[in-house]
């Protein structure tokens, strides 16, 4: 893979990751506002998010392999 393709992939991945993070934060804030509380995650929710992200990264890493 040439340097231009690597850079393009990194930039696109960064933009997608930032967008996904912003949407996630918005959902967390919206939920907190509906319940009139501060935005927070429980330990269990944090573990679920972390494991979900690891599963997603594993899925992405497997793309292109046959």
PDB file of N, CA and C in Angstrom:
ATOM      1  N   UNK A   1       0.850  -1.169   0.000  1.00  0.00           N
ATOM      2  CA  UNK A   1       0.000   0.000   0.000  1.00  0.00           C
ATOM      3  C   UNK A   1       0.900   1.237   0.000  1.00  0.00           C
ATOM      4  N   UNK A   2       0.615   2.166  -0.878  1.00  0.00           N
ATOM      5  CA  UNK A   2       1.448   3.359  -0.959  1.00  0.00           C
ATOM      6  C   UNK A   2       1.085   4.367   0.142  1.00  0.00           C
ATOM      7  N   UNK A   3       1.952   5.338   0.320  1.00  0.00           N
ATOM      8  CA  UNK A   3       1.795   6.302   1.413  1.00  0.00           C
ATOM      9  C   UNK A   3       0.508   7.116   1.270  1.00  0.00           C
ATOM     10  N   UNK A   4       0.145   7.461   0.037  1.00  0.00           N
ATOM     11  CA  UNK A   4      -1.065   8.260  -0.187  1.00  0.00           C
ATOM     12  C   UNK A   4      -2.316   7.491   0.259  1.00  0.00           C
ATOM     13  N   UNK A   5      -2.368   6.208  -0.045  1.00  0.00           N
ATOM     14  CA  UNK A   5      -3.510   5.385   0.355  1.00  0.00           C
ATOM     15  C   UNK A   5      -3.576   5.234   1.869  1.00  0.00           C
ATOM     16  N   UNK A   6      -2.415   5.073   2.506  1.00  0.00           N
ATOM     17  CA  UNK A   6      -2.377   4.953   3.961  1.00  0.00           C
ATOM     18  C   UNK A   6      -2.885   6.230   4.615  1.00  0.00           C
ATOM     19  N   UNK A   7      -2.417   7.368   4.115  1.00  0.00           N
ATOM     20  CA  UNK A   7      -2.841   8.651   4.675  1.00  0.00           C
ATOM     21  C   UNK A   7      -4.343   8.844   4.498  1.00  0.00           C
ATOM     22  N   UNK A   8      -4.839   8.527   3.320  1.00  0.00           N
ATOM     23  CA  UNK A   8      -6.266   8.669   3.025  1.00  0.00           C
ATOM     24  C   UNK A   8      -7.094   7.782   3.957  1.00  0.00           C
ATOM     25  N   UNK A   9      -6.643   6.562   4.179  1.00  0.00           N
ATOM     26  CA  UNK A   9      -7.340   5.633   5.061  1.00  0.00           C
ATOM     27  C   UNK A   9      -7.339   6.135   6.502  1.00  0.00           C
ATOM     28  N   UNK A  10      -6.196   6.636   6.966  1.00  0.00           N
ATOM     29  CA  UNK A  10      -6.105   7.160   8.332  1.00  0.00           C
ATOM     30  C   UNK A  10      -7.014   8.371   8.528  1.00  0.00           C
ATOM     31  N   UNK A  11      -7.018   9.285   7.572  1.00  0.00           N
ATOM     32  CA  UNK A  11      -7.855  10.483   7.686  1.00  0.00           C
ATOM     33  C   UNK A  11      -9.329  10.094   7.689  1.00  0.00           C
ATOM     34  N   UNK A  12      -9.721   9.219   6.780  1.00  0.00           N
ATOM     35  CA  UNK A  12     -11.113   8.787   6.714  1.00  0.00           C
ATOM     36  C   UNK A  12     -11.524   8.067   7.994  1.00  0.00           C
ATOM     37  N   UNK A  13     -10.675   7.201   8.498  1.00  0.00           N
ATOM     38  CA  UNK A  13     -10.963   6.496   9.746  1.00  0.00           C
ATOM     39  C   UNK A  13     -11.096   7.441  10.926  1.00  0.00           C
ATOM     40  N   UNK A  14     -10.246   8.465  10.965  1.00  0.00           N
ATOM     41  CA  UNK A  14     -10.302   9.450  12.033  1.00  0.00           C
ATOM     42  C   UNK A  14     -11.608  10.239  11.977  1.00  0.00           C
ATOM     43  N   UNK A  15     -12.003  10.640  10.786  1.00  0.00           N
ATOM     44  CA  UNK A  15     -13.246  11.400  10.627  1.00  0.00           C
ATOM     45  C   UNK A  15     -14.455  10.551  11.027  1.00  0.00           C
ATOM     46  N   UNK A  16     -14.478   9.309  10.577  1.00  0.00           N
ATOM     47  CA  UNK A  16     -15.592   8.422  10.916  1.00  0.00           C
ATOM     48  C   UNK A  16     -15.632   8.172  12.426  1.00  0.00           C
ATOM     49  N   UNK A  17     -14.468   7.943  13.033  1.00  0.00           N
ATOM     50  CA  UNK A  17     -14.409   7.715  14.471  1.00  0.00           C
ATOM     51  C   UNK A  17     -14.851   8.930  15.273  1.00  0.00           C
ATOM     52  N   UNK A  18     -14.452  10.120  14.836  1.00  0.00           N
ATOM     53  CA  UNK A  18     -14.860  11.344  15.523  1.00  0.00           C
ATOM     54  C   UNK A  18     -16.368  11.548  15.405  1.00  0.00           C
ATOM     55  N   UNK A  19     -16.923  11.285  14.221  1.00  0.00           N
ATOM     56  CA  UNK A  19     -18.354  11.416  14.021  1.00  0.00           C
ATOM     57  C   UNK A  19     -19.118  10.426  14.905  1.00  0.00           C
ATOM     58  N   UNK A  20     -18.664   9.187  14.951  1.00  0.00           N
ATOM     59  CA  UNK A  20     -19.317   8.171  15.783  1.00  0.00           C
ATOM     60  C   UNK A  20     -19.245   8.551  17.262  1.00  0.00           C
ATOM     61  N   UNK A  21     -18.116   9.091  17.686  1.00  0.00           N
ATOM     62  CA  UNK A  21     -17.974   9.529  19.074  1.00  0.00           C
ATOM     63  C   UNK A  21     -18.898  10.691  19.408  1.00  0.00           C
ATOM     64  N   UNK A  22     -19.029  11.637  18.484  1.00  0.00           N
ATOM     65  CA  UNK A  22     -19.910  12.787  18.699  1.00  0.00           C
ATOM     66  C   UNK A  22     -21.374  12.340  18.774  1.00  0.00           C
ATOM     67  N   UNK A  23     -21.766  11.420  17.911  1.00  0.00           N
ATOM     68  CA  UNK A  23     -23.142  10.911  17.947  1.00  0.00           C
ATOM     69  C   UNK A  23     -23.390  10.167  19.256  1.00  0.00           C
ATOM     70  N   UNK A  24     -22.421   9.377  19.691  1.00  0.00           N
ATOM     71  CA  UNK A  24     -22.559   8.639  20.948  1.00  0.00           C
ATOM     72  C   UNK A  24     -22.693   9.593  22.131  1.00  0.00           C
ATOM     73  N   UNK A  25     -21.886  10.636  22.146  1.00  0.00           N
ATOM     74  CA  UNK A  25     -21.967  11.625  23.222  1.00  0.00           C
ATOM     75  C   UNK A  25     -23.318  12.326  23.204  1.00  0.00           C
ATOM     76  N   UNK A  26     -23.804  12.652  22.018  1.00  0.00           N
ATOM     77  CA  UNK A  26     -25.112  13.295  21.903  1.00  0.00           C
ATOM     78  C   UNK A  26     -26.219  12.395  22.462  1.00  0.00           C
ATOM     79  N   UNK A  27     -26.161  11.102  22.139  1.00  0.00           N
ATOM     80  CA  UNK A  27     -27.159  10.168  22.656  1.00  0.00           C
ATOM     81  C   UNK A  27     -27.091  10.064  24.172  1.00  0.00           C
ATOM     82  N   UNK A  28     -25.885  10.034  24.715  1.00  0.00           N
ATOM     83  CA  UNK A  28     -25.704   9.961  26.163  1.00  0.00           C
ATOM     84  C   UNK A  28     -26.259  11.215  26.839  1.00  0.00           C
ATOM     85  N   UNK A  29     -25.974  12.370  26.273  1.00  0.00           N
ATOM     86  CA  UNK A  29     -26.471  13.636  26.824  1.00  0.00           C
ATOM     87  C   UNK A  29     -27.990  13.703  26.726  1.00  0.00           C
ATOM     88  N   UNK A  30     -28.541  13.281  25.592  1.00  0.00           N
ATOM     89  CA  UNK A  30     -29.999  13.301  25.415  1.00  0.00           C
ATOM     90  C   UNK A  30     -30.687  12.421  26.447  1.00  0.00           C
ATOM     91  N   UNK A  31     -30.110  11.238  26.681  1.00  0.00           N
ATOM     92  CA  UNK A  31     -30.686  10.339  27.680  1.00  0.00           C
ATOM     93  C   UNK A  31     -30.643  10.969  29.066  1.00  0.00           C
ATOM     94  N   UNK A  32     -29.536  11.620  29.388  1.00  0.00           N
ATOM     95  CA  UNK A  32     -29.390  12.255  30.694  1.00  0.00           C
ATOM     96  C   UNK A  32     -30.375  13.414  30.854  1.00  0.00           C
ATOM     97  N   UNK A  33     -30.572  14.194  29.791  1.00  0.00           N
ATOM     98  CA  UNK A  33     -31.507  15.310  29.861  1.00  0.00           C
ATOM     99  C   UNK A  33     -32.938  14.830  30.061  1.00  0.00           C
ATOM    100  N   UNK A  34     -33.315  13.723  29.426  1.00  0.00           N
ATOM    101  CA  UNK A  34     -34.655  13.168  29.607  1.00  0.00           C
ATOM    102  C   UNK A  34     -34.889  12.745  31.051  1.00  0.00           C
ATOM    103  N   UNK A  35     -33.838  12.280  31.713  1.00  0.00           N
ATOM    104  CA  UNK A  35     -33.935  11.814  33.094  1.00  0.00           C
ATOM    105  C   UNK A  35     -33.546  12.900  34.095  1.00  0.00           C
ATOM    106  N   UNK A  36     -33.243  14.111  33.604  1.00  0.00           N
ATOM    107  CA  UNK A  36     -32.815  15.239  34.453  1.00  0.00           C
ATOM    108  C   UNK A  36     -31.650  14.872  35.360  1.00  0.00           C
ATOM    109  N   UNK A  37     -30.641  14.242  34.781  1.00  0.00           N
ATOM    110  CA  UNK A  37     -29.443  13.831  35.511  1.00  0.00           C
ATOM    111  C   UNK A  37     -28.209  14.254  34.740  1.00  0.00           C
ATOM    112  N   UNK A  38     -27.037  14.097  35.367  1.00  0.00           N
ATOM    113  CA  UNK A  38     -25.775  14.329  34.680  1.00  0.00           C
ATOM    114  C   UNK A  38     -25.491  13.151  33.762  1.00  0.00           C
ATOM    115  N   UNK A  39     -24.847  13.404  32.609  1.00  0.00           N
ATOM    116  CA  UNK A  39     -24.473  12.281  31.738  1.00  0.00           C
ATOM    117  C   UNK A  39     -23.470  11.366  32.442  1.00  0.00           C
ATOM    118  N   UNK A  40     -23.765  10.087  32.487  1.00  0.00           N
ATOM    119  CA  UNK A  40     -22.843   9.141  33.106  1.00  0.00           C
ATOM    120  C   UNK A  40     -23.069   7.748  32.551  1.00  0.00           C
ATOM    121  N   UNK A  41     -22.042   6.954  32.633  1.00  0.00           N
ATOM    122  CA  UNK A  41     -22.115   5.542  32.263  1.00  0.00           C
ATOM    123  C   UNK A  41     -21.837   4.725  33.513  1.00  0.00           C
ATOM    124  N   UNK A  42     -22.580   3.664  33.688  1.00  0.00           N
ATOM    125  CA  UNK A  42     -22.275   2.757  34.790  1.00  0.00           C
ATOM    126  C   UNK A  42     -21.076   1.901  34.383  1.00  0.00           C
ATOM    127  N   UNK A  43     -20.520   1.202  35.343  1.00  0.00           N
ATOM    128  CA  UNK A  43     -19.387   0.322  35.042  1.00  0.00           C
ATOM    129  C   UNK A  43     -19.801  -0.742  34.026  1.00  0.00           C
ATOM    130  N   UNK A  44     -20.989  -1.296  34.186  1.00  0.00           N
ATOM    131  CA  UNK A  44     -21.473  -2.318  33.269  1.00  0.00           C
ATOM    132  C   UNK A  44     -21.648  -1.781  31.855  1.00  0.00           C
ATOM    133  N   UNK A  45     -22.177  -0.558  31.742  1.00  0.00           N
ATOM    134  CA  UNK A  45     -22.341   0.056  30.428  1.00  0.00           C
ATOM    135  C   UNK A  45     -20.979   0.333  29.789  1.00  0.00           C
ATOM    136  N   UNK A  46     -20.017   0.756  30.598  1.00  0.00           N
ATOM    137  CA  UNK A  46     -18.674   1.002  30.087  1.00  0.00           C
ATOM    138  C   UNK A  46     -18.032  -0.262  29.542  1.00  0.00           C
ATOM    139  N   UNK A  47     -18.231  -1.360  30.260  1.00  0.00           N
ATOM    140  CA  UNK A  47     -17.697  -2.647  29.798  1.00  0.00           C
ATOM    141  C   UNK A  47     -18.376  -3.069  28.500  1.00  0.00           C
ATOM    142  N   UNK A  48     -19.693  -2.882  28.410  1.00  0.00           N
ATOM    143  CA  UNK A  48     -20.411  -3.233  27.188  1.00  0.00           C
ATOM    144  C   UNK A  48     -19.907  -2.415  26.003  1.00  0.00           C
ATOM    145  N   UNK A  49     -19.686  -1.131  26.212  1.00  0.00           N
ATOM    146  CA  UNK A  49     -19.183  -0.268  25.141  1.00  0.00           C
ATOM    147  C   UNK A  49     -17.786  -0.721  24.711  1.00  0.00           C
ATOM    148  N   UNK A  50     -16.923  -0.975  25.687  1.00  0.00           N
ATOM    149  CA  UNK A  50     -15.562  -1.406  25.379  1.00  0.00           C
ATOM    150  C   UNK A  50     -15.521  -2.714  24.610  1.00  0.00           C
ATOM    151  N   UNK A  51     -16.311  -3.681  25.041  1.00  0.00           N
ATOM    152  CA  UNK A  51     -16.339  -4.972  24.348  1.00  0.00           C
ATOM    153  C   UNK A  51     -16.948  -4.830  22.959  1.00  0.00           C
ATOM    154  N   UNK A  52     -17.935  -3.971  22.834  1.00  0.00           N
ATOM    155  CA  UNK A  52     -18.521  -3.731  21.514  1.00  0.00           C
ATOM    156  C   UNK A  52     -17.510  -3.124  20.557  1.00  0.00           C
ATOM    157  N   UNK A  53     -16.711  -2.182  21.053  1.00  0.00           N
ATOM    158  CA  UNK A  53     -15.683  -1.563  20.223  1.00  0.00           C
ATOM    159  C   UNK A  53     -14.602  -2.558  19.833  1.00  0.00           C
ATOM    160  N   UNK A  54     -14.210  -3.414  20.768  1.00  0.00           N
ATOM    161  CA  UNK A  54     -13.221  -4.448  20.437  1.00  0.00           C
ATOM    162  C   UNK A  54     -13.756  -5.392  19.363  1.00  0.00           C
ATOM    163  N   UNK A  55     -15.025  -5.761  19.475  1.00  0.00           N
ATOM    164  CA  UNK A  55     -15.633  -6.618  18.462  1.00  0.00           C
ATOM    165  C   UNK A  55     -15.675  -5.938  17.102  1.00  0.00           C
ATOM    166  N   UNK A  56     -15.989  -4.650  17.096  1.00  0.00           N
ATOM    167  CA  UNK A  56     -16.021  -3.893  15.844  1.00  0.00           C
ATOM    168  C   UNK A  56     -14.634  -3.810  15.219  1.00  0.00           C
ATOM    169  N   UNK A  57     -13.606  -3.543  16.033  1.00  0.00           N
ATOM    170  CA  UNK A  57     -12.242  -3.472  15.505  1.00  0.00           C
ATOM    171  C   UNK A  57     -11.801  -4.826  14.952  1.00  0.00           C
ATOM    172  N   UNK A  58     -12.191  -5.894  15.626  1.00  0.00           N
ATOM    173  CA  UNK A  58     -11.849  -7.234  15.146  1.00  0.00           C
ATOM    174  C   UNK A  58     -12.536  -7.515  13.808  1.00  0.00           C
ATOM    175  N   UNK A  59     -13.790  -7.079  13.682  1.00  0.00           N
ATOM    176  CA  UNK A  59     -14.513  -7.247  12.425  1.00  0.00           C
ATOM    177  C   UNK A  59     -13.845  -6.474  11.295  1.00  0.00           C
ATOM    178  N   UNK A  60     -13.487  -5.231  11.567  1.00  0.00           N
ATOM    179  CA  UNK A  60     -12.837  -4.395  10.554  1.00  0.00           C
ATOM    180  C   UNK A  60     -11.492  -4.984  10.159  1.00  0.00           C
ATOM    181  N   UNK A  61     -10.739  -5.475  11.132  1.00  0.00           N
ATOM    182  CA  UNK A  61      -9.424  -6.055  10.843  1.00  0.00           C
ATOM    183  C   UNK A  61      -9.530  -7.295   9.958  1.00  0.00           C
ATOM    184  N   UNK A  62     -10.677  -7.982  10.012  1.00  0.00           N
ATOM    185  CA  UNK A  62     -10.857  -9.182   9.219  1.00  0.00           C
ATOM    186  C   UNK A  62     -11.330  -8.929   7.795  1.00  0.00           C
ATOM    187  N   UNK A  63     -11.691  -7.678   7.470  1.00  0.00           N
ATOM    188  CA  UNK A  63     -12.136  -7.375   6.112  1.00  0.00           C
ATOM    189  C   UNK A  63     -11.012  -7.645   5.123  1.00  0.00           C
ATOM    190  N   UNK A  64     -11.331  -8.191   4.006  1.00  0.00           N
ATOM    191  CA  UNK A  64     -10.345  -8.442   2.954  1.00  0.00           C
ATOM    192  C   UNK A  64      -9.635  -9.770   3.080  1.00  0.00           C
ATOM    193  N   UNK A  65      -9.803 -10.448   4.206  1.00  0.00           N
ATOM    194  CA  UNK A  65      -9.186 -11.771   4.352  1.00  0.00           C
ATOM    195  C   UNK A  65     -10.182 -12.817   3.894  1.00  0.00           C
ATOM    196  N   UNK A  66      -9.685 -13.797   3.221  1.00  0.00           N
ATOM    197  CA  UNK A  66     -10.570 -14.870   2.738  1.00  0.00           C
ATOM    198  C   UNK A  66     -10.087 -16.205   3.200  1.00  0.00           C
TER     199      UNK A  66
END
